[in-house]
Amino acid sequence: MKARILANLLANATLTIAAGQAAVLGARLAFANPQEGGALAELDLSPAETTG
């Protein structure tokens, strides 16, 4: 039980760090839970569209 809790904490910390780094880079990082199970992370490094 303790190992599972630690693994979840580490995974959450890793995702938080990744989201912060993506924001600094101007990237988009999205997370999802597919119906088939597991997890999905999508990183979009496309340049942001500008208006004007």
C-alpha atoms as a PDB file:
ATOM      1  CA  MET A   1       0.000   0.000   0.000  1.00  0.00           C
ATOM      2  CA  LYS A   2       2.758   2.478   0.914  1.00  0.00           C
ATOM      3  CA  ALA A   3       4.624   1.734  -2.330  1.00  0.00           C
ATOM      4  CA  ARG A   4       1.497   2.440  -4.373  1.00  0.00           C
ATOM      5  CA  ILE A   5       0.925   5.756  -2.598  1.00  0.00           C
ATOM      6  CA  LEU A   6       4.556   6.739  -3.171  1.00  0.00           C
ATOM      7  CA  ALA A   7       4.314   5.786  -6.854  1.00  0.00           C
ATOM      8  CA  ASN A   8       1.175   7.942  -7.233  1.00  0.00           C
ATOM      9  CA  LEU A   9       2.860  10.884  -5.506  1.00  0.00           C
ATOM     10  CA  LEU A  10       5.895  10.612  -7.764  1.00  0.00           C
ATOM     11  CA  ALA A  11       3.721  10.352 -10.865  1.00  0.00           C
ATOM     12  CA  ASN A  12       1.707  13.426  -9.843  1.00  0.00           C
ATOM     13  CA  ALA A  13       4.885  15.393  -9.120  1.00  0.00           C
ATOM     14  CA  THR A  14       6.323  14.396 -12.498  1.00  0.00           C
ATOM     15  CA  LEU A  15       3.161  15.501 -14.321  1.00  0.00           C
ATOM     16  CA  THR A  16       3.134  18.792 -12.428  1.00  0.00           C
ATOM     17  CA  ILE A  17       6.756  19.461 -13.392  1.00  0.00           C
ATOM     18  CA  ALA A  18       6.055  18.527 -17.027  1.00  0.00           C
ATOM     19  CA  ALA A  19       3.049  20.871 -17.139  1.00  0.00           C
ATOM     20  CA  GLY A  20       5.134  23.713 -15.724  1.00  0.00           C
ATOM     21  CA  GLN A  21       7.944  23.140 -18.193  1.00  0.00           C
ATOM     22  CA  ALA A  22       5.474  23.013 -21.084  1.00  0.00           C
ATOM     23  CA  ALA A  23       3.986  26.330 -19.973  1.00  0.00           C
ATOM     24  CA  VAL A  24       7.432  27.949 -19.864  1.00  0.00           C
ATOM     25  CA  LEU A  25       8.092  26.720 -23.402  1.00  0.00           C
ATOM     26  CA  GLY A  26       4.722  27.953 -24.638  1.00  0.00           C
ATOM     27  CA  ALA A  27       3.651  24.383 -25.367  1.00  0.00           C
ATOM     28  CA  ARG A  28       0.337  22.691 -24.637  1.00  0.00           C
ATOM     29  CA  LEU A  29       0.268  19.557 -22.488  1.00  0.00           C
ATOM     30  CA  ALA A  30      -3.016  17.689 -22.181  1.00  0.00           C
ATOM     31  CA  PHE A  31      -3.841  14.594 -20.145  1.00  0.00           C
ATOM     32  CA  ALA A  32      -6.609  12.059 -20.713  1.00  0.00           C
ATOM     33  CA  ASN A  33      -7.816   8.664 -19.548  1.00  0.00           C
ATOM     34  CA  PRO A  34      -8.726   6.552 -22.607  1.00  0.00           C
ATOM     35  CA  GLN A  35     -11.731   4.242 -22.306  1.00  0.00           C
ATOM     36  CA  GLU A  36      -9.437   1.290 -23.027  1.00  0.00           C
ATOM     37  CA  GLY A  37      -7.544   2.068 -19.829  1.00  0.00           C
ATOM     38  CA  GLY A  38      -4.164   3.539 -19.089  1.00  0.00           C
ATOM     39  CA  ALA A  39      -3.279   7.188 -19.481  1.00  0.00           C
ATOM     40  CA  LEU A  40      -2.517   9.536 -22.340  1.00  0.00           C
ATOM     41  CA  ALA A  41      -0.361  12.654 -22.375  1.00  0.00           C
ATOM     42  CA  GLU A  42      -0.260  14.804 -25.497  1.00  0.00           C
ATOM     43  CA  LEU A  43       2.436  17.449 -25.934  1.00  0.00           C
ATOM     44  CA  ASP A  44       1.832  20.082 -28.625  1.00  0.00           C
ATOM     45  CA  LEU A  45       4.940  22.084 -29.507  1.00  0.00           C
ATOM     46  CA  SER A  46       3.314  23.970 -32.391  1.00  0.00           C
ATOM     47  CA  PRO A  47       3.934  27.704 -32.417  1.00  0.00           C
ATOM     48  CA  ALA A  48       1.070  29.607 -30.864  1.00  0.00           C
ATOM     49  CA  GLU A  49      -1.213  31.401 -33.289  1.00  0.00           C
ATOM     50  CA  THR A  50      -1.038  35.158 -33.026  1.00  0.00           C
ATOM     51  CA  THR A  51      -3.758  37.623 -33.872  1.00  0.00           C
ATOM     52  CA  GLY A  52      -3.321  41.078 -35.227  1.00  0.00           C
END
